[in-house]
Protein backbone atom coordinates (compact mmCIF):
# COMPACT_ATOMS: atom_id res chain seq x y z
CA MET A 1 1.17 5.42 0.27
CA LEU A 2 2.83 4.85 3.53
CA ASN A 3 0.06 6.58 5.40
CA LYS A 4 -2.81 6.29 3.20
CA ILE A 5 -5.78 3.94 4.57
CA LEU A 6 -8.90 2.64 2.74
CA ILE A 7 -12.07 2.22 4.79
CA ILE A 8 -14.77 -0.03 3.06
CA GLU A 9 -17.68 0.44 5.40
CA ASP A 10 -21.28 0.89 4.74
CA ASP A 11 -22.14 2.32 8.41
CA LYS A 12 -21.36 6.06 7.58
CA GLU A 13 -21.41 6.95 11.16
CA ILE A 14 -18.68 4.28 12.08
CA ALA A 15 -16.61 5.08 9.06
CA ALA A 16 -16.75 8.78 9.96
CA ILE A 17 -15.33 7.80 13.51
CA GLU A 18 -12.61 5.48 12.18
CA LYS A 19 -11.64 8.19 9.51
CA ASP A 20 -11.59 10.95 12.16
CA PHE A 21 -9.17 8.86 14.66
CA LEU A 22 -6.80 7.83 11.75
CA GLU A 23 -6.57 11.28 10.71
CA ILE A 24 -5.67 12.72 14.02
CA ASN A 25 -2.82 10.09 13.76
CA GLY A 26 -1.25 11.52 10.54
CA PHE A 27 -3.15 9.15 8.30
CA ASP A 28 -4.69 10.14 4.90
CA VAL A 29 -8.25 8.14 4.79
CA VAL A 30 -10.39 7.44 1.90
CA ILE A 31 -13.92 6.01 2.44
CA GLU A 32 -15.89 3.65 0.25
CA ASN A 33 -19.63 2.69 1.47
CA ASP A 34 -20.37 0.14 -1.09
CA GLY A 35 -18.59 -3.27 -1.64
CA ILE A 36 -18.12 -2.99 -5.34
CA LYS A 37 -16.70 0.50 -5.41
CA GLY A 38 -14.43 -0.37 -2.58
CA LYS A 39 -13.05 -3.29 -3.99
CA GLU A 40 -12.39 -1.02 -7.42
CA ARG A 41 -10.78 1.38 -5.05
CA ALA A 42 -8.39 -0.92 -3.53
CA LEU A 43 -7.34 -2.30 -6.62
CA SER A 44 -6.35 0.94 -7.75
CA GLY A 45 -3.52 0.90 -5.61
CA GLY A 46 -1.75 3.48 -3.45
CA PHE A 47 -2.87 2.18 -0.03
CA ALA A 48 -0.97 0.92 3.06
CA LEU A 49 -3.85 -0.75 4.49
CA ILE A 50 -7.26 -1.53 4.28
CA LEU A 51 -9.94 -1.73 6.84
CA LEU A 52 -12.92 -4.06 5.22
CA ASP A 53 -16.31 -4.32 6.80
CA LEU A 54 -17.58 -7.93 6.55
CA MET A 55 -21.36 -7.21 5.72
CA LEU A 56 -21.43 -4.70 2.87
CA PRO A 57 -24.05 -3.82 0.07
CA GLY A 58 -23.10 -5.01 -3.37
CA LYS A 59 -20.67 -7.65 -2.47
CA ASP A 60 -19.55 -9.11 1.07
CA GLY A 61 -16.38 -8.50 2.67
CA ILE A 62 -14.91 -12.14 2.45
CA SER A 63 -15.45 -12.10 -1.45
CA ILE A 64 -13.68 -8.52 -1.75
CA CYS A 65 -10.93 -9.77 0.43
CA ARG A 66 -10.17 -12.75 -1.64
CA GLU A 67 -10.23 -10.68 -4.81
CA ILE A 68 -8.08 -8.06 -3.38
CA ARG A 69 -5.62 -10.38 -1.92
CA GLU A 70 -5.19 -12.10 -5.49
CA LYS A 71 -3.73 -8.77 -6.82
CA VAL A 72 -2.58 -6.84 -3.92
CA ASP A 73 -0.33 -7.57 -1.06
CA ILE A 74 -1.08 -5.23 1.71
CA PRO A 75 -2.40 -5.35 5.19
CA ILE A 76 -6.30 -6.26 5.18
CA LEU A 77 -7.97 -5.89 8.66
CA MET A 78 -11.79 -7.29 8.76
CA VAL A 79 -14.10 -4.85 10.74
CA THR A 80 -17.18 -6.75 11.91
CA ALA A 81 -19.94 -6.48 14.45
CA GLN A 82 -20.45 -10.25 14.93
CA ILE A 83 -18.42 -13.26 13.67
CA THR A 84 -18.23 -16.92 14.01
CA ASP A 85 -15.13 -19.02 14.00
CA SER A 86 -15.92 -20.44 10.62
CA ASP A 87 -16.22 -16.54 9.42
CA LYS A 88 -12.78 -16.00 10.86
CA ILE A 89 -11.28 -19.17 9.36
CA ARG A 90 -12.76 -18.25 5.88
CA GLY A 91 -11.44 -14.57 6.01
CA LEU A 92 -8.02 -15.50 7.42
CA GLY A 93 -8.14 -18.20 4.42
CA PHE A 94 -8.85 -15.86 1.79
CA GLY A 95 -6.05 -13.30 3.03
CA ALA A 96 -7.07 -11.22 6.00
CA ASP A 97 -4.32 -10.22 8.35
CA ASP A 98 -6.66 -9.64 11.46
CA TYR A 99 -10.04 -8.93 12.62
CA ILE A 100 -11.67 -6.16 14.92
CA ILE A 101 -14.91 -6.69 16.32
CA LYS A 102 -17.56 -3.93 16.64
CA PRO A 103 -17.92 -2.02 18.98
CA PHE A 104 -14.17 -1.35 19.35
CA SER A 105 -12.01 1.24 21.09
CA PRO A 106 -10.61 3.92 18.43
CA THR A 107 -7.39 3.91 20.08
CA GLU A 108 -7.23 0.01 19.74
CA LEU A 109 -8.15 0.40 16.13
CA VAL A 110 -5.37 2.95 15.68
CA ALA A 111 -2.93 0.93 17.39
CA ARG A 112 -3.54 -2.11 15.23
CA VAL A 113 -3.09 -0.15 12.05
CA LYS A 114 -0.19 1.28 13.06
CA SER A 115 1.33 -2.25 14.16
CA HIS A 116 0.42 -3.95 10.91
CA ILE A 117 1.73 -1.09 8.85
CA ALA A 118 5.03 -1.19 10.57
CA ARG A 119 5.34 -4.73 10.50
CA TYR A 120 4.45 -4.97 6.79
CA GLN A 121 7.42 -2.09 5.94
CA ARG A 122 10.00 -3.97 7.84
CA LEU A 123 9.14 -7.24 6.18
CA THR A 124 8.95 -5.66 2.67
CA LYS A 125 11.68 -3.07 2.94
CA ASN A 126 14.26 -3.17 -0.02
CA ILE A 127 17.59 -3.37 1.52
CA GLY A 128 19.25 -2.40 -1.75
CA TYR A 129 21.83 -5.42 -1.57
CA LEU A 130 21.78 -8.79 -0.86
CA GLN A 131 24.17 -10.52 1.92
CA LYS A 132 24.87 -14.41 1.90
CA ASN A 133 23.08 -14.85 5.15
CA ASP A 134 19.83 -13.63 3.51
CA GLU A 135 19.47 -16.69 1.64
CA ILE A 136 18.35 -20.11 3.06
CA ASP A 137 18.76 -23.19 0.90
CA PHE A 138 17.56 -26.73 1.81
CA GLY A 139 17.56 -28.01 -1.33
CA TRP A 140 13.81 -28.51 -1.77
CA LEU A 141 13.15 -25.15 -0.37
CA LYS A 142 14.95 -22.06 -1.04
CA ILE A 143 14.02 -18.58 0.68
CA ASN A 144 15.78 -15.49 -0.39
CA ASN A 145 15.07 -12.85 2.27
CA GLY A 146 16.42 -10.08 0.08
CA THR A 147 14.14 -10.40 -2.55
CA HIS A 148 11.43 -12.39 -0.77
CA ARG A 149 11.36 -15.11 -3.34
CA VAL A 150 10.40 -18.68 -2.23
CA LEU A 151 11.07 -21.82 -4.46
CA VAL A 152 9.84 -25.10 -3.43
CA ASN A 153 11.35 -27.67 -5.83
CA GLU A 154 12.63 -25.04 -7.83
CA ASN A 155 9.01 -23.59 -8.48
CA GLU A 156 8.38 -20.22 -7.04
CA ILE A 157 5.31 -19.97 -4.84
CA THR A 158 3.55 -16.99 -3.91
CA LEU A 159 3.15 -15.98 -0.21
CA THR A 160 1.37 -13.27 1.34
CA HIS A 161 3.76 -11.28 3.82
CA LYS A 162 2.25 -12.97 7.16
CA GLU A 163 2.74 -16.40 5.10
CA TYR A 164 6.17 -15.46 4.35
CA GLU A 165 7.34 -14.12 7.59
CA LEU A 166 6.05 -17.25 9.45
CA LEU A 167 7.84 -19.53 7.05
CA TYR A 168 10.70 -17.57 7.29
CA PHE A 169 10.87 -17.73 11.19
CA LEU A 170 10.23 -21.46 11.36
CA ALA A 171 12.76 -22.15 8.77
CA THR A 172 15.55 -20.29 10.40
CA ASN A 173 14.51 -22.13 13.70
CA PRO A 174 14.51 -25.83 12.55
CA GLU A 175 13.32 -28.49 14.75
CA LEU A 176 12.51 -26.18 17.72
CA VAL A 177 8.75 -26.37 18.81
CA PHE A 178 6.89 -23.01 19.01
CA SER A 179 3.55 -22.55 20.92
CA LYS A 180 0.70 -20.93 18.84
CA GLU A 181 1.11 -18.15 21.37
CA THR A 182 4.80 -17.64 20.61
CA LEU A 183 4.22 -17.71 17.08
CA TYR A 184 1.31 -15.19 17.30
CA ASP A 185 3.35 -12.79 19.32
CA LYS A 186 6.67 -13.25 16.94
CA ILE A 187 4.62 -12.67 13.78
CA TRP A 188 1.64 -10.64 14.53
CA GLY A 189 3.16 -8.79 17.47
CA GLU A 190 2.74 -9.25 21.14
CA ASN A 191 1.01 -5.87 21.38
CA THR A 192 -1.73 -6.63 18.73
CA PHE A 193 -5.05 -7.80 19.49
CA GLY A 194 -6.18 -10.50 17.01
CA ASP A 195 -7.24 -14.12 17.26
CA ILE A 196 -4.70 -16.78 18.13
CA LYS A 197 -6.80 -19.17 15.55
CA THR A 198 -5.03 -17.04 12.52
CA VAL A 199 -1.73 -19.09 13.47
CA THR A 200 -3.55 -22.36 12.51
CA VAL A 201 -5.06 -20.93 9.43
CA HIS A 202 -1.55 -19.44 8.28
CA ILE A 203 0.07 -22.81 9.20
CA ASN A 204 -2.62 -24.81 6.95
CA ARG A 205 -1.96 -22.29 4.14
CA LEU A 206 1.63 -22.71 4.23
CA ARG A 207 1.26 -26.57 4.16
CA GLU A 208 -1.03 -26.23 1.16
CA LYS A 209 1.71 -24.35 -0.46
CA ILE A 210 4.94 -26.17 0.33
CA GLU A 211 4.09 -29.62 1.42
CA LYS A 212 3.57 -32.59 -0.95
CA ASN A 213 1.12 -34.02 1.04
CA PRO A 214 -0.62 -31.26 3.12
CA SER A 215 -2.80 -33.53 5.09
CA ASN A 216 0.32 -35.58 6.34
CA PRO A 217 3.01 -32.76 6.38
CA ALA A 218 6.71 -33.76 6.41
CA HIS A 219 8.35 -30.15 7.06
CA ILE A 220 5.84 -28.17 8.95
CA GLN A 221 4.67 -30.48 11.71
CA THR A 222 2.11 -30.33 14.71
CA VAL A 223 3.55 -31.52 18.05
CA TRP A 224 0.41 -32.17 19.82
CA GLY A 225 -0.11 -30.22 23.00
CA ALA A 226 3.08 -27.97 22.26
CA GLY A 227 2.97 -26.11 18.95
CA TYR A 228 4.56 -26.34 15.70
CA ARG A 229 7.95 -27.02 14.41
CA PHE A 230 9.93 -26.87 11.05
CA LEU A 231 11.67 -30.26 9.86
CA ILE A 232 14.17 -29.72 7.06
């Protein structure tokens, strides 16, 4: 599973280029050219990452992303020829981890794939035991970094790996203010090439899941002109 990539792309020439460069770099690649078949293949499991085109026959990429994310938690990179800010927000809101815009450099694609897989593996690595400092307990919020379980008022919530990593970073640095740029570098990696808007989207998603009133957050606060901070 660690090196198996699913490409859902209706342009066979682009899919072939992606496949060639990924295979040169040691990945095992599967291609689906239809949206519905691609979603079914994704849900069959066994993939380390999915490259998902936005415009597909049968079912559009954003709908596929949402349906995959409901059942599978692996990196999803949206690949598209053109995209608006609203499309980015929708895609990230439904669980995409990053975007890459056509035409793109194949070496950039490979770099992003490697970066997202490496970060996901570091986050989800099973350490086999739990140390005391692996758990954060603020009473209302409990984060177990050994099992990656998050409890809000004793109710377990489900987070994607990026949401978890962002929450864990903020919670381990309470009251400190971090700019969007800093958070992007820390969570997505300084060598990635995504859109910084993903930080705002993930912050909003976290607020929806942990805040009593997401429109007036008490814990993940915006510091205007500076960034975000986490308050206990």
